[in-house]
């Protein structure tokens, strides 16, 4: 009896998981849409603050560094514009 119950439970799990993955609520969709940008700088990847955007970091002579910065208009975070 225990084996039969375990077998039925194992067969039901993939069906329930598949059914759950097809229906995403509107709240969940809104949460995915509001995710912030990520800037990967020299010290690691960090979220870009609200009001800023991700831009390419440069050295003092203008050569691209290969890392991102957060450009906030009047100032930058994580590097040089």
Protein backbone atom coordinates (compact mmCIF):
# COMPACT_ATOMS: atom_id res chain seq x y z
CA UNK A 1 0.00 0.00 0.00
CA UNK A 2 2.82 2.38 0.84
CA UNK A 3 4.52 1.58 -2.47
CA UNK A 4 1.31 2.36 -4.38
CA UNK A 5 0.89 5.70 -2.57
CA UNK A 6 4.52 6.63 -3.24
CA UNK A 7 4.19 5.72 -6.93
CA UNK A 8 1.06 7.84 -7.31
CA UNK A 9 2.75 10.77 -5.58
CA UNK A 10 5.79 10.56 -7.85
CA UNK A 11 3.57 10.48 -10.93
CA UNK A 12 1.52 13.47 -9.75
CA UNK A 13 4.49 15.78 -9.08
CA UNK A 14 5.52 16.39 -12.74
CA UNK A 15 1.89 16.97 -13.78
CA UNK A 16 1.36 19.55 -11.03
CA UNK A 17 4.67 21.27 -11.79
CA UNK A 18 3.86 21.49 -15.49
CA UNK A 19 0.40 22.93 -14.80
CA UNK A 20 1.83 25.51 -12.40
CA UNK A 21 4.46 26.72 -14.88
CA UNK A 22 1.86 27.56 -17.55
CA UNK A 23 -0.08 30.09 -15.47
CA UNK A 24 1.77 33.20 -14.30
CA UNK A 25 -0.18 35.83 -12.40
CA UNK A 26 -0.27 39.47 -13.43
CA UNK A 27 1.52 40.41 -10.21
CA UNK A 28 4.39 38.07 -11.07
CA UNK A 29 4.65 39.51 -14.58
CA UNK A 30 4.75 43.03 -13.16
CA UNK A 31 7.52 42.05 -10.76
CA UNK A 32 9.67 40.73 -13.62
CA UNK A 33 9.11 43.92 -15.62
CA UNK A 34 10.24 46.17 -12.79
CA UNK A 35 13.65 44.60 -12.26
CA UNK A 36 16.49 47.11 -12.20
CA UNK A 37 19.52 47.18 -14.47
CA UNK A 38 22.78 45.62 -13.33
CA UNK A 39 26.16 47.29 -13.92
CA UNK A 40 29.16 44.94 -13.86
CA UNK A 41 32.06 47.11 -12.75
CA UNK A 42 35.64 46.42 -11.68
CA UNK A 43 34.51 45.54 -8.15
CA UNK A 44 31.60 43.29 -9.18
CA UNK A 45 28.01 43.47 -10.43
CA UNK A 46 25.72 45.91 -8.61
CA UNK A 47 22.23 47.30 -9.26
CA UNK A 48 21.97 50.64 -11.02
CA UNK A 49 20.20 53.17 -8.75
CA UNK A 50 16.85 54.65 -9.81
CA UNK A 51 17.30 57.68 -12.08
CA UNK A 52 20.56 56.33 -13.52
CA UNK A 53 21.39 54.16 -16.51
CA UNK A 54 24.15 51.71 -17.37
CA UNK A 55 26.95 53.03 -19.59
CA UNK A 56 30.38 51.93 -20.79
CA UNK A 57 33.23 52.77 -18.42
CA UNK A 58 36.28 54.51 -19.84
CA UNK A 59 39.80 55.37 -18.72
CA UNK A 60 41.02 58.96 -18.36
CA UNK A 61 42.16 59.02 -22.00
CA UNK A 62 38.78 57.72 -23.29
CA UNK A 63 39.67 54.08 -23.91
CA UNK A 64 36.83 51.67 -23.03
CA UNK A 65 37.59 49.58 -19.94
CA UNK A 66 35.22 46.70 -20.70
CA UNK A 67 33.31 47.36 -17.50
CA UNK A 68 30.03 49.20 -16.86
CA UNK A 69 29.32 52.33 -14.85
CA UNK A 70 26.10 53.87 -13.56
CA UNK A 71 25.63 57.24 -15.29
CA UNK A 72 23.39 59.47 -13.17
CA UNK A 73 23.64 62.65 -15.26
CA UNK A 74 25.73 64.99 -13.12
CA UNK A 75 27.77 62.19 -11.55
CA UNK A 76 28.76 58.56 -12.13
CA UNK A 77 29.03 55.52 -9.91
CA UNK A 78 31.52 52.66 -10.26
CA UNK A 79 33.90 54.44 -12.67
CA UNK A 80 34.56 57.24 -15.16
CA UNK A 81 32.22 58.31 -17.96
